[in-house]
Amino acid sequence: MTYVPGTQEWLDQVDEDIVDPDRAIVDPHHHLWPPGGALPYGLDELHADTGAGHRVVRTVFVECGAAHDIDRPEEFRPVGETEFVAGESARDPSHLIGGIVARADLRAPNLDEVLDAHAEAGGELFKGIRHALSSAEHPDVLRIPGRAPRDLAHDGDFRRGVARLGDRGLTYDTWHYHYQQRDFIDLARAVPGTTMVLDHFGTPLGVGPYADQRDEIRAQWREELAEVARCPNVVAKLGGLAMPDNGFGWDVAPKPPTSDEFVAEQRDFYLHAIDCFGPDRCMFESNFPVDRWSLSYKVLWNALKKIAAQFSDAEQDAMFSGTASRVYRL
């Protein structure tokens, strides 16, 4: 029987025993959408994934355009998302969600008022802001095209906003593409007082016009990631490479990959990042439900544990929970 990729029936074709089931995990990157949102993923679906066998003790929600309040002035609309996630956390007896990385336009002249509104809505869950740099050169070939202005990282108002996050003890997350890595390096050097979180390795693309440039892109990515890591204010989220736009093709395959198949394809990306940043500046992430288009939560964390197995227990603890807990003040 043929199943539709990304559905539960398709994911269930690959079932595995849990690797290292007692290892505590803080998943520092997932999304939620209310009913009718971009993807069908709410608190119940999050618990189904995190409760599938791995010991996930806490998570961090990262903005995704969910539940914006269109009745508010534009710069305050993302506060509705923070209210939504804080409400989901409040009704969850386990309080699994331990942090919220919200959305704000860091160029806004009233940025402090917006951040105050997020702090009021999210309380102690509010940890930082993601105003992504992702600017798609070929949006028509991407499943999730980023629509930021191409020069956002160099915008003076934006840089002042990123600096203001550091002043307030908040983190700055970014998602961008491989060809924007040098823009991010410039930003990290220009605003050294703000802790910055690099999401998804800097997304080396592998579809459309990038599909036949994979070797060149990987070589450039390796060199520039090492340069990113020389910015001491940057930490790295390791995950998100199973997004369809990375070009591994699992989202259109008859079956999802096993953890061993995942490791064979992606181990080198992970080990290079860990070598550049060190375990104390790396945190494994799920990027669910986006990466759910390619494989299950259970299989993903099995693969990450297999990649990390060569490191000491203390180094594994850092990458699976310690770095995320420290950076997001969980």
C-alpha atoms as a PDB file:
ATOM      1  CA  MET A   1       0.000   0.000   0.000  1.00  0.00           C
ATOM      2  CA  THR A   2       1.201   3.503  -0.828  1.00  0.00           C
ATOM      3  CA  TYR A   3       0.865   6.216   1.814  1.00  0.00           C
ATOM      4  CA  VAL A   4       1.001   9.980   1.506  1.00  0.00           C
ATOM      5  CA  PRO A   5       4.365  11.314   2.767  1.00  0.00           C
ATOM      6  CA  GLY A   6       4.105  13.117   6.075  1.00  0.00           C
ATOM      7  CA  THR A   7       0.971  11.320   7.236  1.00  0.00           C
ATOM      8  CA  GLN A   8       0.984   9.183  10.357  1.00  0.00           C
ATOM      9  CA  GLU A   9       0.438   6.036   8.296  1.00  0.00           C
ATOM     10  CA  TRP A  10       3.492   6.883   6.193  1.00  0.00           C
ATOM     11  CA  LEU A  11       5.614   7.610   9.277  1.00  0.00           C
ATOM     12  CA  ASP A  12       4.472   4.370  10.962  1.00  0.00           C
ATOM     13  CA  GLN A  13       6.180   2.318   8.246  1.00  0.00           C
ATOM     14  CA  VAL A  14       9.440   2.851  10.165  1.00  0.00           C
ATOM     15  CA  ASP A  15       9.347   1.885  13.830  1.00  0.00           C
ATOM     16  CA  GLU A  16      12.415   1.539  16.022  1.00  0.00           C
ATOM     17  CA  ASP A  17      13.355   0.807  19.600  1.00  0.00           C
ATOM     18  CA  ILE A  18      14.354   3.902  21.545  1.00  0.00           C
ATOM     19  CA  VAL A  19      18.092   4.546  21.697  1.00  0.00           C
ATOM     20  CA  ASP A  20      19.441   5.673  25.103  1.00  0.00           C
ATOM     21  CA  PRO A  21      15.927   6.120  26.560  1.00  0.00           C
ATOM     22  CA  ASP A  22      17.059   7.689  29.848  1.00  0.00           C
ATOM     23  CA  ARG A  23      18.882  10.610  28.222  1.00  0.00           C
ATOM     24  CA  ALA A  24      17.121  13.877  29.156  1.00  0.00           C
ATOM     25  CA  ILE A  25      16.193  16.018  26.149  1.00  0.00           C
ATOM     26  CA  VAL A  26      15.295  19.672  25.949  1.00  0.00           C
ATOM     27  CA  ASP A  27      13.850  20.230  22.487  1.00  0.00           C
ATOM     28  CA  PRO A  28      14.667  23.905  21.824  1.00  0.00           C
ATOM     29  CA  HIS A  29      12.789  24.330  18.569  1.00  0.00           C
ATOM     30  CA  HIS A  30       9.234  23.359  17.719  1.00  0.00           C
ATOM     31  CA  HIS A  31       6.091  25.096  16.515  1.00  0.00           C
ATOM     32  CA  LEU A  32       2.376  24.995  17.283  1.00  0.00           C
ATOM     33  CA  TRP A  33      -0.608  26.070  15.243  1.00  0.00           C
ATOM     34  CA  PRO A  34      -4.207  26.428  16.410  1.00  0.00           C
ATOM     35  CA  PRO A  35      -6.919  24.544  14.473  1.00  0.00           C
ATOM     36  CA  GLY A  36      -6.995  25.824  10.918  1.00  0.00           C
ATOM     37  CA  GLY A  37      -3.372  26.978  11.070  1.00  0.00           C
ATOM     38  CA  ALA A  38      -0.583  26.350   8.572  1.00  0.00           C
ATOM     39  CA  LEU A  39       0.045  22.796   9.829  1.00  0.00           C
ATOM     40  CA  PRO A  40      -2.189  20.600  12.019  1.00  0.00           C
ATOM     41  CA  TYR A  41       0.008  20.603  15.108  1.00  0.00           C
ATOM     42  CA  GLY A  42      -1.268  21.512  18.545  1.00  0.00           C
ATOM     43  CA  LEU A  43      -0.527  20.563  22.122  1.00  0.00           C
ATOM     44  CA  ASP A  44      -1.960  17.054  21.690  1.00  0.00           C
ATOM     45  CA  GLU A  45       0.239  16.365  18.671  1.00  0.00           C
ATOM     46  CA  LEU A  46       3.292  17.746  20.490  1.00  0.00           C
ATOM     47  CA  HIS A  47       2.642  15.431  23.437  1.00  0.00           C
ATOM     48  CA  ALA A  48       2.118  12.474  21.106  1.00  0.00           C
ATOM     49  CA  ASP A  49       5.564  13.065  19.622  1.00  0.00           C
ATOM     50  CA  THR A  50       7.451  13.928  22.802  1.00  0.00           C
ATOM     51  CA  GLY A  51       5.762  11.036  24.600  1.00  0.00           C
ATOM     52  CA  ALA A  52       6.665   8.434  21.978  1.00  0.00           C
ATOM     53  CA  GLY A  53       9.547   7.037  24.027  1.00  0.00           C
ATOM     54  CA  HIS A  54      12.320   9.599  24.331  1.00  0.00           C
ATOM     55  CA  ARG A  55      12.700  11.437  27.641  1.00  0.00           C
ATOM     56  CA  VAL A  56      11.763  14.963  26.574  1.00  0.00           C
ATOM     57  CA  VAL A  57      11.668  17.048  29.743  1.00  0.00           C
ATOM     58  CA  ARG A  58      11.118  20.526  28.310  1.00  0.00           C
ATOM     59  CA  THR A  59      10.628  22.298  24.990  1.00  0.00           C
ATOM     60  CA  VAL A  60      10.940  25.771  23.510  1.00  0.00           C
ATOM     61  CA  PHE A  61       8.332  27.133  21.108  1.00  0.00           C
ATOM     62  CA  VAL A  62       9.679  29.256  18.241  1.00  0.00           C
ATOM     63  CA  GLU A  63       7.520  31.737  16.364  1.00  0.00           C
ATOM     64  CA  CYS A  64       5.828  30.548  13.183  1.00  0.00           C
ATOM     65  CA  GLY A  65       3.141  33.119  12.436  1.00  0.00           C
ATOM     66  CA  ALA A  66       0.498  31.282  14.464  1.00  0.00           C
ATOM     67  CA  ALA A  67      -2.434  33.082  16.079  1.00  0.00           C
ATOM     68  CA  HIS A  68      -1.378  36.631  15.226  1.00  0.00           C
ATOM     69  CA  ASP A  69      -3.988  39.087  16.441  1.00  0.00           C
ATOM     70  CA  ILE A  70      -4.999  41.031  13.335  1.00  0.00           C
ATOM     71  CA  ASP A  71      -7.113  43.437  15.383  1.00  0.00           C
ATOM     72  CA  ARG A  72      -4.014  45.022  16.947  1.00  0.00           C
ATOM     73  CA  PRO A  73      -1.606  47.534  15.423  1.00  0.00           C
ATOM     74  CA  GLU A  74       0.702  45.664  13.061  1.00  0.00           C
ATOM     75  CA  GLU A  75       3.804  45.629  15.272  1.00  0.00           C
ATOM     76  CA  PHE A  76       1.770  44.136  18.163  1.00  0.00           C
ATOM     77  CA  ARG A  77       0.025  41.399  16.175  1.00  0.00           C
ATOM     78  CA  PRO A  78       2.631  38.695  17.020  1.00  0.00           C
ATOM     79  CA  VAL A  79       1.812  39.173  20.717  1.00  0.00           C
ATOM     80  CA  GLY A  80      -1.310  37.131  19.959  1.00  0.00           C
ATOM     81  CA  GLU A  81       0.945  34.166  19.198  1.00  0.00           C
ATOM     82  CA  THR A  82       2.698  34.547  22.548  1.00  0.00           C
ATOM     83  CA  GLU A  83      -0.675  34.656  24.308  1.00  0.00           C
ATOM     84  CA  PHE A  84      -1.775  31.531  22.442  1.00  0.00           C
ATOM     85  CA  VAL A  85       1.320  29.508  23.382  1.00  0.00           C
ATOM     86  CA  ALA A  86       1.338  30.738  26.980  1.00  0.00           C
ATOM     87  CA  GLY A  87      -2.304  29.661  27.214  1.00  0.00           C
ATOM     88  CA  GLU A  88      -1.476  26.224  25.837  1.00  0.00           C
ATOM     89  CA  SER A  89       1.308  25.875  28.382  1.00  0.00           C
ATOM     90  CA  ALA A  90      -0.989  26.973  31.215  1.00  0.00           C
ATOM     91  CA  ARG A  91      -3.575  24.290  30.389  1.00  0.00           C
ATOM     92  CA  ASP A  92      -0.899  21.580  30.177  1.00  0.00           C
ATOM     93  CA  PRO A  93      -0.444  19.885  33.576  1.00  0.00           C
ATOM     94  CA  SER A  94       3.117  18.892  32.634  1.00  0.00           C
ATOM     95  CA  HIS A  95       4.067  22.439  31.557  1.00  0.00           C
ATOM     96  CA  LEU A  96       6.189  20.841  28.851  1.00  0.00           C
ATOM     97  CA  ILE A  97       6.743  24.141  27.043  1.00  0.00           C
ATOM     98  CA  GLY A  98       9.392  25.956  29.047  1.00  0.00           C
ATOM     99  CA  GLY A  99      10.149  28.865  26.731  1.00  0.00           C
ATOM    100  CA  ILE A 100       8.786  31.045  23.941  1.00  0.00           C
ATOM    101  CA  VAL A 101      10.875  32.674  21.219  1.00  0.00           C
ATOM    102  CA  ALA A 102       8.450  35.240  19.852  1.00  0.00           C
ATOM    103  CA  ARG A 103       8.271  37.411  16.745  1.00  0.00           C
ATOM    104  CA  ALA A 104       8.855  41.168  16.688  1.00  0.00           C
ATOM    105  CA  ASP A 105       9.956  43.583  14.005  1.00  0.00           C
ATOM    106  CA  LEU A 106      13.272  44.638  15.473  1.00  0.00           C
ATOM    107  CA  ARG A 107      13.232  47.777  13.321  1.00  0.00           C
ATOM    108  CA  ALA A 108      10.143  49.145  15.102  1.00  0.00           C
ATOM    109  CA  PRO A 109      10.612  52.545  16.765  1.00  0.00           C
ATOM    110  CA  ASN A 110       8.423  51.355  19.662  1.00  0.00           C
ATOM    111  CA  LEU A 111      10.303  48.055  20.045  1.00  0.00           C
ATOM    112  CA  ASP A 112      10.484  48.277  23.836  1.00  0.00           C
ATOM    113  CA  GLU A 113       6.701  48.566  24.046  1.00  0.00           C
ATOM    114  CA  VAL A 114       6.350  45.478  21.844  1.00  0.00           C
ATOM    115  CA  LEU A 115       8.835  43.523  23.971  1.00  0.00           C
ATOM    116  CA  ASP A 116       7.000  44.648  27.113  1.00  0.00           C
ATOM    117  CA  ALA A 117       3.763  43.310  25.614  1.00  0.00           C
ATOM    118  CA  HIS A 118       5.401  39.939  24.880  1.00  0.00           C
ATOM    119  CA  ALA A 119       6.785  39.840  28.430  1.00  0.00           C
ATOM    120  CA  GLU A 120       3.337  40.537  29.866  1.00  0.00           C
ATOM    121  CA  ALA A 121       1.719  37.902  27.636  1.00  0.00           C
ATOM    122  CA  GLY A 122       4.369  35.226  28.110  1.00  0.00           C
ATOM    123  CA  GLY A 123       5.593  35.870  31.622  1.00  0.00           C
ATOM    124  CA  GLU A 124       8.633  33.804  32.511  1.00  0.00           C
ATOM    125  CA  LEU A 125       8.195  31.793  29.298  1.00  0.00           C
ATOM    126  CA  PHE A 126       9.281  34.716  27.117  1.00  0.00           C
ATOM    127  CA  LYS A 127      12.958  34.164  26.295  1.00  0.00           C
ATOM    128  CA  GLY A 128      13.773  35.939  23.067  1.00  0.00           C
ATOM    129  CA  ILE A 129      12.870  37.027  19.557  1.00  0.00           C
ATOM    130  CA  ARG A 130      13.230  35.512  16.123  1.00  0.00           C
ATOM    131  CA  HIS A 131      13.107  38.079  13.346  1.00  0.00           C
ATOM    132  CA  ALA A 132      14.437  35.791  10.642  1.00  0.00           C
ATOM    133  CA  LEU A 133      16.875  36.929   7.977  1.00  0.00           C
ATOM    134  CA  SER A 134      15.632  34.317   5.479  1.00  0.00           C
ATOM    135  CA  SER A 135      15.266  35.907   2.051  1.00  0.00           C
ATOM    136  CA  ALA A 136      14.463  33.484  -0.748  1.00  0.00           C
ATOM    137  CA  GLU A 137      16.183  34.087  -4.086  1.00  0.00           C
ATOM    138  CA  HIS A 138      13.911  31.537  -5.777  1.00  0.00           C
ATOM    139  CA  PRO A 139      10.722  31.408  -3.665  1.00  0.00           C
ATOM    140  CA  ASP A 140       8.833  29.462  -6.318  1.00  0.00           C
ATOM    141  CA  VAL A 141      10.969  26.331  -5.780  1.00  0.00           C
ATOM    142  CA  LEU A 142      10.861  26.368  -1.964  1.00  0.00           C
ATOM    143  CA  ARG A 143       8.181  24.769   0.175  1.00  0.00           C
ATOM    144  CA  ILE A 144       8.774  27.362   2.915  1.00  0.00           C
ATOM    145  CA  PRO A 145      10.176  30.500   1.251  1.00  0.00           C
ATOM    146  CA  GLY A 146      11.547  33.164   3.574  1.00  0.00           C
ATOM    147  CA  ARG A 147      10.358  36.654   2.703  1.00  0.00           C
ATOM    148  CA  ALA A 148      12.682  38.963   4.630  1.00  0.00           C
ATOM    149  CA  PRO A 149      14.355  41.894   2.835  1.00  0.00           C
ATOM    150  CA  ARG A 150      17.676  40.773   1.405  1.00  0.00           C
ATOM    151  CA  ASP A 151      19.659  43.457   3.268  1.00  0.00           C
ATOM    152  CA  LEU A 152      17.940  43.089   6.649  1.00  0.00           C
ATOM    153  CA  ALA A 153      21.120  42.092   8.510  1.00  0.00           C
ATOM    154  CA  HIS A 154      22.745  45.384   7.510  1.00  0.00           C
ATOM    155  CA  ASP A 155      19.786  47.627   8.356  1.00  0.00           C
ATOM    156  CA  GLY A 156      20.785  50.113  11.079  1.00  0.00           C
ATOM    157  CA  ASP A 157      17.406  50.066  12.825  1.00  0.00           C
ATOM    158  CA  PHE A 158      17.415  46.263  12.777  1.00  0.00           C
ATOM    159  CA  ARG A 159      20.886  46.107  14.309  1.00  0.00           C
ATOM    160  CA  ARG A 160      19.835  48.510  17.044  1.00  0.00           C
ATOM    161  CA  GLY A 161      16.885  46.227  17.745  1.00  0.00           C
ATOM    162  CA  VAL A 162      19.125  43.164  17.978  1.00  0.00           C
ATOM    163  CA  ALA A 163      21.373  45.080  20.382  1.00  0.00           C
ATOM    164  CA  ARG A 164      18.336  46.035  22.467  1.00  0.00           C
ATOM    165  CA  LEU A 165      17.544  42.345  22.935  1.00  0.00           C
ATOM    166  CA  GLY A 166      20.951  41.872  24.519  1.00  0.00           C
ATOM    167  CA  ASP A 167      20.388  44.892  26.754  1.00  0.00           C
ATOM    168  CA  ARG A 168      17.222  43.252  28.031  1.00  0.00           C
ATOM    169  CA  GLY A 169      18.753  39.797  28.498  1.00  0.00           C
ATOM    170  CA  LEU A 170      16.845  38.301  25.576  1.00  0.00           C
ATOM    171  CA  THR A 171      18.185  36.046  22.834  1.00  0.00           C
ATOM    172  CA  TYR A 172      18.056  36.593  19.091  1.00  0.00           C
ATOM    173  CA  ASP A 173      17.219  33.617  16.838  1.00  0.00           C
ATOM    174  CA  THR A 174      17.629  33.646  13.084  1.00  0.00           C
ATOM    175  CA  TRP A 175      16.714  31.296  10.275  1.00  0.00           C
ATOM    176  CA  HIS A 176      18.412  32.062   6.965  1.00  0.00           C
ATOM    177  CA  TYR A 177      19.850  30.373   3.881  1.00  0.00           C
ATOM    178  CA  HIS A 178      23.400  29.273   3.129  1.00  0.00           C
ATOM    179  CA  TYR A 179      24.054  32.236   0.833  1.00  0.00           C
ATOM    180  CA  GLN A 180      23.210  34.616   3.727  1.00  0.00           C
ATOM    181  CA  GLN A 181      25.745  33.172   6.150  1.00  0.00           C
ATOM    182  CA  ARG A 182      28.215  36.001   5.625  1.00  0.00           C
ATOM    183  CA  ASP A 183      25.474  38.565   6.306  1.00  0.00           C
ATOM    184  CA  PHE A 184      24.876  36.809   9.617  1.00  0.00           C
ATOM    185  CA  ILE A 185      28.595  36.826  10.416  1.00  0.00           C
ATOM    186  CA  ASP A 186      28.640  40.586   9.895  1.00  0.00           C
ATOM    187  CA  LEU A 187      25.617  40.979  12.176  1.00  0.00           C
ATOM    188  CA  ALA A 188      27.097  38.809  14.924  1.00  0.00           C
ATOM    189  CA  ARG A 189      30.329  40.813  14.852  1.00  0.00           C
ATOM    190  CA  ALA A 190      28.464  44.125  14.837  1.00  0.00           C
ATOM    191  CA  VAL A 191      26.305  43.219  17.875  1.00  0.00           C
ATOM    192  CA  PRO A 192      28.584  41.164  20.152  1.00  0.00           C
ATOM    193  CA  GLY A 193      26.545  41.813  23.296  1.00  0.00           C
ATOM    194  CA  THR A 194      23.515  39.799  22.170  1.00  0.00           C
ATOM    195  CA  THR A 195      23.406  36.005  22.341  1.00  0.00           C
ATOM    196  CA  MET A 196      22.465  34.806  18.866  1.00  0.00           C
ATOM    197  CA  VAL A 197      21.076  31.399  17.969  1.00  0.00           C
ATOM    198  CA  LEU A 198      21.765  30.033  14.486  1.00  0.00           C
ATOM    199  CA  ASP A 199      18.782  27.891  13.485  1.00  0.00           C
ATOM    200  CA  HIS A 200      18.970  24.871  11.181  1.00  0.00           C
ATOM    201  CA  PHE A 201      22.707  25.079  10.354  1.00  0.00           C
ATOM    202  CA  GLY A 202      22.092  28.111   8.139  1.00  0.00           C
ATOM    203  CA  THR A 203      19.910  25.995   5.778  1.00  0.00           C
ATOM    204  CA  PRO A 204      22.081  24.746   2.926  1.00  0.00           C
ATOM    205  CA  LEU A 205      19.500  24.467   0.139  1.00  0.00           C
ATOM    206  CA  GLY A 206      19.277  21.517  -2.225  1.00  0.00           C
ATOM    207  CA  VAL A 207      16.263  21.992  -4.484  1.00  0.00           C
ATOM    208  CA  GLY A 208      15.557  23.909  -7.695  1.00  0.00           C
ATOM    209  CA  PRO A 209      18.689  25.646  -9.042  1.00  0.00           C
ATOM    210  CA  TYR A 210      20.622  24.489  -5.946  1.00  0.00           C
ATOM    211  CA  ALA A 211      20.083  20.774  -6.604  1.00  0.00           C
ATOM    212  CA  ASP A 212      23.071  20.439  -8.940  1.00  0.00           C
ATOM    213  CA  GLN A 213      25.329  22.622  -6.760  1.00  0.00           C
ATOM    214  CA  ARG A 214      25.268  20.486  -3.630  1.00  0.00           C
ATOM    215  CA  ASP A 215      29.032  19.851  -3.472  1.00  0.00           C
ATOM    216  CA  GLU A 216      29.890  23.515  -3.972  1.00  0.00           C
ATOM    217  CA  ILE A 217      27.265  24.624  -1.464  1.00  0.00           C
ATOM    218  CA  ARG A 218      28.502  22.145   1.125  1.00  0.00           C
ATOM    219  CA  ALA A 219      32.101  23.300   0.734  1.00  0.00           C
ATOM    220  CA  GLN A 220      31.102  26.943   1.115  1.00  0.00           C
ATOM    221  CA  TRP A 221      28.869  26.060   4.062  1.00  0.00           C
ATOM    222  CA  ARG A 222      31.685  24.254   5.884  1.00  0.00           C
ATOM    223  CA  GLU A 223      34.050  27.193   5.511  1.00  0.00           C
ATOM    224  CA  GLU A 224      31.531  29.837   6.534  1.00  0.00           C
ATOM    225  CA  LEU A 225      30.121  27.856   9.468  1.00  0.00           C
ATOM    226  CA  ALA A 226      33.620  27.736  10.940  1.00  0.00           C
ATOM    227  CA  GLU A 227      33.727  31.514  10.628  1.00  0.00           C
ATOM    228  CA  VAL A 228      30.331  31.850  12.323  1.00  0.00           C
ATOM    229  CA  ALA A 229      31.644  29.757  15.210  1.00  0.00           C
ATOM    230  CA  ARG A 230      34.486  32.217  15.747  1.00  0.00           C
ATOM    231  CA  CYS A 231      31.821  34.709  16.919  1.00  0.00           C
ATOM    232  CA  PRO A 232      31.641  33.884  20.657  1.00  0.00           C
ATOM    233  CA  ASN A 233      28.108  35.273  21.009  1.00  0.00           C
ATOM    234  CA  VAL A 234      26.650  32.677  18.608  1.00  0.00           C
ATOM    235  CA  VAL A 235      25.337  29.228  19.545  1.00  0.00           C
ATOM    236  CA  ALA A 236      24.065  26.639  17.073  1.00  0.00           C
ATOM    237  CA  LYS A 237      20.849  24.676  16.830  1.00  0.00           C
ATOM    238  CA  LEU A 238      21.603  21.360  15.156  1.00  0.00           C
ATOM    239  CA  GLY A 239      18.570  20.139  13.249  1.00  0.00           C
ATOM    240  CA  GLY A 240      16.149  21.240  10.579  1.00  0.00           C
ATOM    241  CA  LEU A 241      18.112  19.571   7.773  1.00  0.00           C
ATOM    242  CA  ALA A 242      15.159  17.278   7.062  1.00  0.00           C
ATOM    243  CA  MET A 243      13.115  20.206   5.762  1.00  0.00           C
ATOM    244  CA  PRO A 244      12.083  19.503   2.156  1.00  0.00           C
ATOM    245  CA  ASP A 245      14.040  22.515   0.891  1.00  0.00           C
ATOM    246  CA  ASN A 246      17.333  20.950   1.973  1.00  0.00           C
ATOM    247  CA  GLY A 247      16.821  18.505  -0.862  1.00  0.00           C
ATOM    248  CA  PHE A 248      17.275  15.077   0.711  1.00  0.00           C
ATOM    249  CA  GLY A 249      14.004  13.946  -0.883  1.00  0.00           C
ATOM    250  CA  TRP A 250      12.523  12.067   2.048  1.00  0.00           C
ATOM    251  CA  ASP A 251       9.346  14.144   1.890  1.00  0.00           C
ATOM    252  CA  VAL A 252       8.461  12.523  -1.450  1.00  0.00           C
ATOM    253  CA  ALA A 253       9.838   9.008  -0.806  1.00  0.00           C
ATOM    254  CA  PRO A 254       7.665   5.876  -0.528  1.00  0.00           C
ATOM    255  CA  LYS A 255       8.964   5.404   3.041  1.00  0.00           C
ATOM    256  CA  PRO A 256      10.645   7.727   5.543  1.00  0.00           C
ATOM    257  CA  PRO A 257      14.288   7.063   6.403  1.00  0.00           C
ATOM    258  CA  THR A 258      15.438   4.880   9.260  1.00  0.00           C
ATOM    259  CA  SER A 259      17.710   6.501  11.819  1.00  0.00           C
ATOM    260  CA  ASP A 260      20.687   4.747  10.213  1.00  0.00           C
ATOM    261  CA  GLU A 261      19.755   6.127   6.792  1.00  0.00           C
ATOM    262  CA  PHE A 262      19.416   9.607   8.302  1.00  0.00           C
ATOM    263  CA  VAL A 263      22.823   9.290   9.963  1.00  0.00           C
ATOM    264  CA  ALA A 264      24.471   8.152   6.738  1.00  0.00           C
ATOM    265  CA  GLU A 265      23.197  11.248   4.897  1.00  0.00           C
ATOM    266  CA  GLN A 266      23.600  13.916   7.563  1.00  0.00           C
ATOM    267  CA  ARG A 267      26.268  12.876  10.090  1.00  0.00           C
ATOM    268  CA  ASP A 268      28.969  15.009   8.468  1.00  0.00           C
ATOM    269  CA  PHE A 269      26.905  18.199   8.846  1.00  0.00           C
ATOM    270  CA  TYR A 270      26.414  17.554  12.546  1.00  0.00           C
ATOM    271  CA  LEU A 271      29.988  16.546  13.302  1.00  0.00           C
ATOM    272  CA  HIS A 272      31.387  19.557  11.461  1.00  0.00           C
ATOM    273  CA  ALA A 273      29.138  21.911  13.445  1.00  0.00           C
ATOM    274  CA  ILE A 274      30.057  20.267  16.745  1.00  0.00           C
ATOM    275  CA  ASP A 275      33.740  20.459  15.833  1.00  0.00           C
ATOM    276  CA  CYS A 276      33.382  24.175  15.058  1.00  0.00           C
ATOM    277  CA  PHE A 277      31.247  25.253  18.027  1.00  0.00           C
ATOM    278  CA  GLY A 278      32.025  22.608  20.656  1.00  0.00           C
ATOM    279  CA  PRO A 279      29.294  20.726  22.538  1.00  0.00           C
ATOM    280  CA  ASP A 280      28.741  23.581  25.025  1.00  0.00           C
ATOM    281  CA  ARG A 281      27.562  25.825  22.186  1.00  0.00           C
ATOM    282  CA  CYS A 282      25.417  23.241  20.386  1.00  0.00           C
ATOM    283  CA  MET A 283      21.852  22.115  20.990  1.00  0.00           C
ATOM    284  CA  PHE A 284      19.991  19.397  19.094  1.00  0.00           C
ATOM    285  CA  GLU A 285      16.550  20.472  17.835  1.00  0.00           C
ATOM    286  CA  SER A 286      13.556  18.756  16.250  1.00  0.00           C
ATOM    287  CA  ASN A 287      12.066  21.592  14.160  1.00  0.00           C
ATOM    288  CA  PHE A 288       8.755  19.765  14.395  1.00  0.00           C
ATOM    289  CA  PRO A 289       6.307  19.541  12.772  1.00  0.00           C
ATOM    290  CA  VAL A 290       8.184  20.898   9.744  1.00  0.00           C
ATOM    291  CA  ASP A 291      10.726  18.056   9.728  1.00  0.00           C
ATOM    292  CA  ARG A 292       7.824  15.674  10.283  1.00  0.00           C
ATOM    293  CA  TRP A 293       7.321  15.901   6.531  1.00  0.00           C
ATOM    294  CA  SER A 294      10.423  13.688   6.321  1.00  0.00           C
ATOM    295  CA  LEU A 295      10.567  11.410   9.382  1.00  0.00           C
ATOM    296  CA  SER A 296       9.076  10.712  12.807  1.00  0.00           C
ATOM    297  CA  TYR A 297      10.076  12.307  16.096  1.00  0.00           C
ATOM    298  CA  LYS A 298      11.151   8.929  17.460  1.00  0.00           C
ATOM    299  CA  VAL A 299      13.426   8.170  14.505  1.00  0.00           C
ATOM    300  CA  LEU A 300      14.882  11.698  14.447  1.00  0.00           C
ATOM    301  CA  TRP A 301      16.039  11.582  18.079  1.00  0.00           C
ATOM    302  CA  ASN A 302      17.356   8.045  17.598  1.00  0.00           C
ATOM    303  CA  ALA A 303      19.490   9.383  14.758  1.00  0.00           C
ATOM    304  CA  LEU A 304      20.734  12.336  16.814  1.00  0.00           C
ATOM    305  CA  LYS A 305      21.671  10.005  19.658  1.00  0.00           C
ATOM    306  CA  LYS A 306      23.602   7.777  17.261  1.00  0.00           C
ATOM    307  CA  ILE A 307      25.486  10.794  15.892  1.00  0.00           C
ATOM    308  CA  ALA A 308      26.305  11.938  19.442  1.00  0.00           C
ATOM    309  CA  ALA A 309      27.329   8.510  20.745  1.00  0.00           C
ATOM    310  CA  GLN A 310      31.043   9.142  20.139  1.00  0.00           C
ATOM    311  CA  PHE A 311      31.051  12.038  22.639  1.00  0.00           C
ATOM    312  CA  SER A 312      31.368  11.822  26.422  1.00  0.00           C
ATOM    313  CA  ASP A 313      28.282  11.719  28.644  1.00  0.00           C
ATOM    314  CA  ALA A 314      28.911  15.302  29.730  1.00  0.00           C
ATOM    315  CA  GLU A 315      29.198  16.460  26.115  1.00  0.00           C
ATOM    316  CA  GLN A 316      26.024  14.616  25.175  1.00  0.00           C
ATOM    317  CA  ASP A 317      24.200  16.143  28.133  1.00  0.00           C
ATOM    318  CA  ALA A 318      25.222  19.592  26.910  1.00  0.00           C
ATOM    319  CA  MET A 319      23.945  19.018  23.381  1.00  0.00           C
ATOM    320  CA  PHE A 320      20.715  17.281  24.370  1.00  0.00           C
ATOM    321  CA  SER A 321      19.709  19.550  27.255  1.00  0.00           C
ATOM    322  CA  GLY A 322      22.380  21.665  28.932  1.00  0.00           C
ATOM    323  CA  THR A 323      23.111  24.228  26.233  1.00  0.00           C
ATOM    324  CA  ALA A 324      19.426  24.859  25.543  1.00  0.00           C
ATOM    325  CA  SER A 325      18.650  25.178  29.251  1.00  0.00           C
ATOM    326  CA  ARG A 326      21.444  27.701  29.711  1.00  0.00           C
ATOM    327  CA  VAL A 327      20.841  29.793  26.602  1.00  0.00           C
ATOM    328  CA  TYR A 328      17.081  29.994  27.079  1.00  0.00           C
ATOM    329  CA  ARG A 329      17.261  30.241  30.871  1.00  0.00           C
ATOM    330  CA  LEU A 330      14.905  27.311  31.454  1.00  0.00           C
END
